[in-house]
Amino acid sequence: MIREIKVQDLDTEKFINEKVKEIKDTVGEGMAINALSGGVDSSTVTMLGHRALGDKLRTVFIENGLMRQGEPEEVVAFFRDLGVKVEVIDAKDVFFAELKGVTDPEEKREAIRDAFYKKVFGKIVKESNAKFLLQGTILTDVDETVAGIKRQHNVFEQLGIDPEKTFGYRILEPMIQLRKDGVRMVGKALGLPSALFDRIPFPGPALAARVIGEATTERIEMARKATAVVEKWLKNSGAFQYMGILHEDRVTGMRDGKRDFGQQIEVRCWDSVDARTATPTRLSFDLLEKLAAEIISEVPGIVSVTYNIATKPPSTIEAV
């Protein structure tokens, strides 16, 4: 049972000092690695790890081909300004090979997990002799996995998986007692700029969580373009999270007076505090019309744009 630290009980300075000591004591004279995605959780754990280990922590950005537009360059630049060197590792072919033909949401998450931990990270760890992976798992990831709502790719021990036996290294999860609002507080206290700790959450499986059905390079690119449009229009909405979801079924549309048998993007925008529950943001219809028009204009093959109005639960924030 993981003891939750709620925001009203969170003393960020005490938390940081305790976790820095835990990481130092555990890693000792060895090396650790962490994977930075640029999301709130991974950015916060990166700064926590570097405070504890300095040059004994190797930080890598895995280019899996599933990230948002310009993400690798932006993340590397952010952390370079914070004094943290980030290596970019191109693993696109590995991830798309694992995802080939996979359509089931759970199988898709497993494919991404196996590509990440066994093939990509397994190789990096072997080459570097590191025995520890520092990771930004939070309590909501564990809750959703254990409850059977959604198997998060970064949850192991609660499913009876021993990472050391399975992958050959231990996984350290210093933020596992926190939820998203607590992580933001810790990130701010560690000196992250608001552009990082106030970023909207982004899922571990990245854009593969926003493509219903097979996540091919072409379909991921459609989701990437739709995401760029959604984030452009909703960045000032004050919402907790927002995204575009590419649906699998084709829908009948019209273009230039002829039938255009295309695809559909579902826009989701959420008000939430900690991601456990969420309600759709009440966006103006005028804004939704402009957003939809730009998606149809900028994303080839899209003929329909919808807006999700179901709450969480029964919906979830991400679609896959």
Protein backbone atom coordinates (compact mmCIF):
# COMPACT_ATOMS: atom_id res chain seq x y z
CA MET A 1 0.00 0.00 0.00
CA ILE A 2 1.46 3.36 -1.06
CA ARG A 3 0.96 6.18 1.44
CA GLU A 4 -0.37 9.20 -0.45
CA ILE A 5 1.05 12.63 0.30
CA LYS A 6 -1.79 15.08 -0.34
CA VAL A 7 -1.04 18.64 -1.41
CA GLN A 8 -2.29 20.10 1.86
CA ASP A 9 0.27 17.94 3.68
CA LEU A 10 3.13 18.41 1.22
CA ASP A 11 6.18 20.25 2.53
CA THR A 12 8.13 20.55 -0.73
CA GLU A 13 11.50 21.33 0.89
CA LYS A 14 11.23 18.36 3.27
CA PHE A 15 10.03 16.08 0.44
CA ILE A 16 12.91 17.10 -1.85
CA ASN A 17 15.53 16.66 0.89
CA GLU A 18 14.19 13.21 1.82
CA LYS A 19 14.04 12.00 -1.78
CA VAL A 20 17.50 13.37 -2.64
CA LYS A 21 18.91 11.42 0.33
CA GLU A 22 17.01 8.24 -0.67
CA ILE A 23 18.29 8.43 -4.25
CA LYS A 24 21.89 9.09 -3.10
CA ASP A 25 21.81 6.26 -0.57
CA THR A 26 20.29 3.78 -3.04
CA VAL A 27 22.56 4.53 -6.01
CA GLY A 28 25.69 4.91 -3.87
CA GLU A 29 28.82 5.03 -6.01
CA GLY A 30 26.98 3.63 -9.04
CA MET A 31 25.30 5.26 -12.03
CA ALA A 32 21.62 5.87 -12.79
CA ILE A 33 19.76 6.74 -15.96
CA ASN A 34 16.52 8.58 -16.48
CA ALA A 35 14.37 9.09 -19.53
CA LEU A 36 13.09 12.61 -20.04
CA SER A 37 9.96 13.06 -22.14
CA GLY A 38 9.38 16.74 -21.36
CA GLY A 39 6.17 16.08 -19.44
CA VAL A 40 5.60 17.41 -15.93
CA ASP A 41 6.43 14.13 -14.18
CA SER A 42 9.60 13.29 -16.10
CA SER A 43 10.85 16.90 -15.94
CA THR A 44 10.39 17.02 -12.18
CA VAL A 45 12.07 13.66 -11.55
CA THR A 46 14.95 14.73 -13.83
CA MET A 47 15.65 17.79 -11.68
CA LEU A 48 15.25 15.75 -8.49
CA GLY A 49 17.70 13.14 -9.81
CA HIS A 50 20.28 15.70 -10.90
CA ARG A 51 20.12 17.40 -7.53
CA ALA A 52 20.84 14.03 -5.91
CA LEU A 53 23.38 12.56 -8.33
CA GLY A 54 24.80 15.31 -10.53
CA ASP A 55 26.97 13.76 -13.25
CA LYS A 56 26.18 10.25 -11.98
CA LEU A 57 22.74 10.59 -13.60
CA ARG A 58 22.63 10.18 -17.37
CA THR A 59 19.53 11.79 -18.88
CA VAL A 60 18.26 10.63 -22.25
CA PHE A 61 15.37 11.65 -24.47
CA ILE A 62 14.05 8.66 -26.40
CA GLU A 63 12.90 9.79 -29.84
CA ASN A 64 10.19 7.17 -30.36
CA GLY A 65 8.46 8.88 -33.28
CA LEU A 66 5.36 9.34 -31.11
CA MET A 67 6.05 12.78 -29.64
CA ARG A 68 4.48 16.15 -30.36
CA GLN A 69 5.72 18.51 -33.05
CA GLY A 70 9.20 19.86 -32.23
CA GLU A 71 9.24 18.13 -28.83
CA PRO A 72 12.82 16.74 -28.82
CA GLU A 73 14.44 20.06 -29.77
CA GLU A 74 12.30 22.04 -27.33
CA VAL A 75 12.97 19.71 -24.37
CA VAL A 76 16.73 19.56 -24.99
CA ALA A 77 16.87 23.37 -25.17
CA PHE A 78 14.83 23.80 -21.95
CA PHE A 79 17.15 21.55 -19.96
CA ARG A 80 20.34 22.89 -21.52
CA ASP A 81 19.31 26.27 -20.05
CA LEU A 82 18.89 24.51 -16.67
CA GLY A 83 22.41 23.04 -16.89
CA VAL A 84 21.26 19.49 -17.63
CA LYS A 85 22.75 17.69 -20.63
CA VAL A 86 20.20 15.56 -22.49
CA GLU A 87 21.16 12.90 -25.05
CA VAL A 88 18.64 12.25 -27.83
CA ILE A 89 18.44 8.58 -28.85
CA ASP A 90 16.67 7.76 -32.12
CA ALA A 91 14.54 4.65 -31.56
CA LYS A 92 11.66 5.34 -33.96
CA ASP A 93 12.15 2.12 -35.93
CA VAL A 94 12.08 -0.02 -32.76
CA PHE A 95 8.77 1.45 -31.56
CA PHE A 96 6.97 1.30 -34.89
CA ALA A 97 8.14 -2.29 -35.39
CA GLU A 98 6.63 -3.22 -32.00
CA LEU A 99 3.38 -1.38 -32.80
CA LYS A 100 2.93 -2.92 -36.25
CA GLY A 101 -0.48 -4.61 -36.51
CA VAL A 102 -1.39 -3.85 -32.87
CA THR A 103 -4.86 -2.34 -32.37
CA ASP A 104 -5.98 -3.39 -28.87
CA PRO A 105 -5.36 -0.55 -26.36
CA GLU A 106 -3.82 -2.79 -23.69
CA GLU A 107 -1.63 -4.63 -26.21
CA LYS A 108 -0.52 -1.27 -27.60
CA ARG A 109 0.59 -0.11 -24.15
CA GLU A 110 2.40 -3.41 -23.60
CA ALA A 111 4.16 -3.08 -26.97
CA ILE A 112 5.38 0.41 -26.05
CA ARG A 113 6.45 -0.79 -22.60
CA ASP A 114 8.42 -3.71 -24.05
CA ALA A 115 10.05 -1.53 -26.72
CA PHE A 116 11.03 1.06 -24.12
CA TYR A 117 12.19 -1.09 -21.22
CA LYS A 118 13.50 -4.23 -22.92
CA LYS A 119 14.84 -3.15 -26.29
CA VAL A 120 15.77 0.53 -25.99
CA PHE A 121 16.55 0.97 -22.30
CA GLY A 122 17.86 -2.54 -21.89
CA LYS A 123 20.52 -1.75 -24.50
CA ILE A 124 21.40 1.63 -22.95
CA VAL A 125 21.68 0.15 -19.45
CA LYS A 126 23.86 -2.71 -20.67
CA GLU A 127 26.22 -0.32 -22.45
CA SER A 128 26.48 2.08 -19.50
CA ASN A 129 26.60 -0.47 -16.65
CA ALA A 130 23.92 1.54 -14.83
CA LYS A 131 21.89 -0.48 -12.34
CA PHE A 132 19.11 2.04 -11.73
CA LEU A 133 16.42 3.73 -13.81
CA LEU A 134 14.95 6.87 -12.26
CA GLN A 135 11.34 7.28 -13.32
CA GLY A 136 8.48 9.75 -12.74
CA THR A 137 5.68 7.30 -11.89
CA ILE A 138 2.93 8.99 -9.84
CA LEU A 139 0.12 7.59 -7.70
CA THR A 140 -2.60 8.04 -10.35
CA ASP A 141 -0.60 5.77 -12.71
CA VAL A 142 -0.64 3.04 -10.07
CA ASP A 143 -4.31 3.54 -9.15
CA GLU A 144 -5.54 3.25 -12.75
CA THR A 145 -3.40 0.18 -13.41
CA VAL A 146 -4.34 -1.71 -10.23
CA ALA A 147 -8.02 -0.88 -10.71
CA GLY A 148 -7.87 -2.30 -14.23
CA ILE A 149 -8.99 1.01 -15.75
CA LYS A 150 -5.88 1.43 -17.90
CA ARG A 151 -2.55 -0.35 -17.68
CA GLN A 152 0.03 2.39 -17.47
CA HIS A 153 3.27 1.46 -19.23
CA ASN A 154 5.41 2.50 -16.24
CA VAL A 155 3.79 0.35 -13.50
CA PHE A 156 5.42 -2.99 -12.62
CA GLU A 157 5.67 -4.14 -9.02
CA GLN A 158 1.94 -3.65 -8.40
CA LEU A 159 1.34 -6.12 -11.27
CA GLY A 160 3.80 -8.66 -9.85
CA ILE A 161 6.57 -7.74 -12.34
CA ASP A 162 10.09 -7.55 -10.89
CA PRO A 163 11.95 -5.03 -13.11
CA GLU A 164 15.36 -6.29 -11.94
CA LYS A 165 14.60 -9.86 -13.02
CA THR A 166 12.71 -8.82 -16.17
CA PHE A 167 14.92 -6.00 -17.43
CA GLY A 168 18.16 -6.23 -15.47
CA TYR A 169 17.92 -2.98 -13.51
CA ARG A 170 16.06 -1.50 -10.54
CA ILE A 171 13.48 1.22 -11.04
CA LEU A 172 13.41 4.12 -8.57
CA GLU A 173 10.13 6.05 -8.29
CA PRO A 174 10.62 8.96 -5.88
CA MET A 175 7.30 10.66 -6.74
CA ILE A 176 5.03 7.64 -6.45
CA GLN A 177 3.27 9.11 -3.36
CA LEU A 178 2.18 12.24 -5.25
CA ARG A 179 -0.55 13.14 -7.70
CA LYS A 180 -0.23 15.69 -10.49
CA ASP A 181 -0.92 18.76 -8.35
CA GLY A 182 1.77 17.69 -5.87
CA VAL A 183 4.26 17.03 -8.68
CA ARG A 184 3.73 20.57 -10.00
CA MET A 185 4.51 21.98 -6.54
CA VAL A 186 7.72 19.94 -6.31
CA GLY A 187 8.74 20.92 -9.86
CA LYS A 188 8.30 24.59 -9.02
CA ALA A 189 10.32 24.20 -5.80
CA LEU A 190 13.12 22.51 -7.78
CA GLY A 191 13.42 25.57 -9.99
CA LEU A 192 11.66 24.37 -13.13
CA PRO A 193 10.34 27.28 -15.22
CA SER A 194 6.55 27.54 -15.33
CA ALA A 195 6.66 26.54 -19.01
CA LEU A 196 7.69 23.07 -17.77
CA PHE A 197 5.92 22.51 -14.44
CA ASP A 198 2.70 24.14 -15.72
CA ARG A 199 2.66 22.17 -18.99
CA ILE A 200 -0.44 20.15 -19.68
CA PRO A 201 0.08 16.44 -18.97
CA PHE A 202 1.21 14.22 -21.83
CA PRO A 203 0.75 10.44 -21.74
CA GLY A 204 3.62 7.94 -21.42
CA PRO A 205 2.59 6.15 -24.65
CA ALA A 206 2.63 9.62 -26.25
CA LEU A 207 0.57 10.05 -29.44
CA ALA A 208 -0.05 6.29 -29.59
CA ALA A 209 -2.56 6.97 -26.78
CA ARG A 210 -4.36 9.34 -29.16
CA VAL A 211 -4.69 7.03 -32.15
CA ILE A 212 -7.53 4.53 -31.91
CA GLY A 213 -6.49 1.42 -33.83
CA GLU A 214 -3.05 0.78 -35.32
CA ALA A 215 -0.46 3.49 -34.63
CA THR A 216 1.28 3.69 -38.01
CA THR A 217 3.67 6.50 -38.91
CA GLU A 218 0.97 8.06 -41.13
CA ARG A 219 -1.74 7.95 -38.44
CA ILE A 220 0.62 9.27 -35.76
CA GLU A 221 1.46 12.18 -38.07
CA MET A 222 -2.27 12.97 -38.40
CA ALA A 223 -2.61 12.97 -34.60
CA ARG A 224 0.54 15.13 -34.31
CA LYS A 225 -0.85 17.77 -36.68
CA ALA A 226 -4.24 17.74 -34.95
CA THR A 227 -2.52 18.07 -31.56
CA ALA A 228 -0.60 21.14 -32.74
CA VAL A 229 -3.86 22.82 -33.79
CA VAL A 230 -5.69 21.88 -30.58
CA GLU A 231 -2.84 23.13 -28.38
CA LYS A 232 -2.63 26.39 -30.35
CA TRP A 233 -6.34 27.19 -29.86
CA LEU A 234 -6.74 25.93 -26.28
CA LYS A 235 -3.46 27.06 -24.67
CA ASN A 236 -5.24 30.02 -23.02
CA SER A 237 -8.34 28.07 -21.99
CA GLY A 238 -7.10 27.48 -18.43
CA ALA A 239 -7.96 23.78 -18.84
CA PHE A 240 -6.08 20.96 -17.10
CA GLN A 241 -5.49 19.04 -20.36
CA TYR A 242 -6.57 19.07 -24.01
CA MET A 243 -5.90 16.87 -27.02
CA GLY A 244 -7.02 15.57 -30.41
CA ILE A 245 -7.93 11.87 -30.82
CA LEU A 246 -7.79 10.17 -34.24
CA HIS A 247 -10.65 7.69 -34.60
CA GLU A 248 -10.38 4.41 -36.46
CA ASP A 249 -13.63 4.21 -38.44
CA ARG A 250 -13.87 6.17 -41.65
CA VAL A 251 -16.79 8.59 -41.99
CA THR A 252 -18.57 9.99 -45.02
CA GLY A 253 -17.80 13.60 -45.80
CA MET A 254 -17.98 16.02 -48.74
CA ARG A 255 -15.32 18.13 -50.38
CA ASP A 256 -15.67 20.19 -53.58
CA GLY A 257 -19.15 18.76 -54.15
CA LYS A 258 -17.93 15.15 -54.08
CA ARG A 259 -17.92 12.43 -51.48
CA ASP A 260 -14.76 12.41 -49.38
CA PHE A 261 -14.55 9.20 -47.35
CA GLY A 262 -12.30 10.47 -44.58
CA GLN A 263 -11.53 10.28 -40.89
CA GLN A 264 -12.55 11.93 -37.65
CA ILE A 265 -10.73 13.84 -34.92
CA GLU A 266 -12.32 13.98 -31.49
CA VAL A 267 -11.28 17.01 -29.42
CA ARG A 268 -11.11 16.59 -25.65
CA CYS A 269 -10.58 19.40 -23.15
CA TRP A 270 -10.71 18.80 -19.40
CA ASP A 271 -11.11 20.65 -16.13
CA SER A 272 -9.46 18.68 -13.31
CA VAL A 273 -7.16 19.02 -10.30
CA ASP A 274 -5.41 15.66 -10.04
CA ALA A 275 -6.71 13.63 -13.05
CA ARG A 276 -8.75 11.26 -10.87
CA THR A 277 -11.96 12.92 -11.99
CA ALA A 278 -12.51 15.43 -14.77
CA THR A 279 -15.26 17.38 -16.49
CA PRO A 280 -15.27 18.72 -20.07
CA THR A 281 -14.36 22.39 -20.27
CA ARG A 282 -17.28 24.55 -21.40
CA LEU A 283 -15.63 26.05 -24.47
CA SER A 284 -17.44 28.61 -26.60
CA PHE A 285 -19.01 27.29 -29.78
CA ASP A 286 -17.28 30.05 -31.73
CA LEU A 287 -13.88 28.76 -30.52
CA LEU A 288 -14.79 25.15 -31.35
CA GLU A 289 -15.86 26.18 -34.87
CA LYS A 290 -12.52 27.90 -35.54
CA LEU A 291 -10.55 24.99 -34.07
CA ALA A 292 -12.49 22.46 -36.18
CA ALA A 293 -12.05 24.49 -39.36
CA GLU A 294 -8.27 24.62 -38.87
CA ILE A 295 -8.01 20.87 -38.15
CA ILE A 296 -9.92 20.10 -41.37
CA SER A 297 -7.72 22.55 -43.27
CA GLU A 298 -4.37 21.43 -41.78
CA VAL A 299 -4.79 17.66 -41.38
CA PRO A 300 -5.21 15.88 -44.73
CA GLY A 301 -7.99 13.28 -44.75
CA ILE A 302 -10.04 14.68 -41.84
CA VAL A 303 -13.69 15.37 -42.67
CA SER A 304 -15.25 15.38 -39.19
CA VAL A 305 -14.37 17.03 -35.85
CA THR A 306 -16.30 16.27 -32.64
CA TYR A 307 -16.07 17.50 -29.03
CA ASN A 308 -16.25 15.08 -26.10
CA ILE A 309 -18.82 16.03 -23.43
CA ALA A 310 -18.64 12.92 -21.20
CA THR A 311 -17.14 13.25 -17.71
CA LYS A 312 -14.42 11.13 -16.10
CA PRO A 313 -15.75 8.67 -15.02
CA PRO A 314 -17.13 6.96 -17.09
CA SER A 315 -14.78 8.41 -19.74
CA THR A 316 -11.01 8.67 -19.18
CA ILE A 317 -8.85 11.67 -20.01
CA GLU A 318 -6.94 9.86 -22.76
CA ALA A 319 -8.73 7.60 -25.23
CA VAL A 320 -6.39 4.60 -25.35
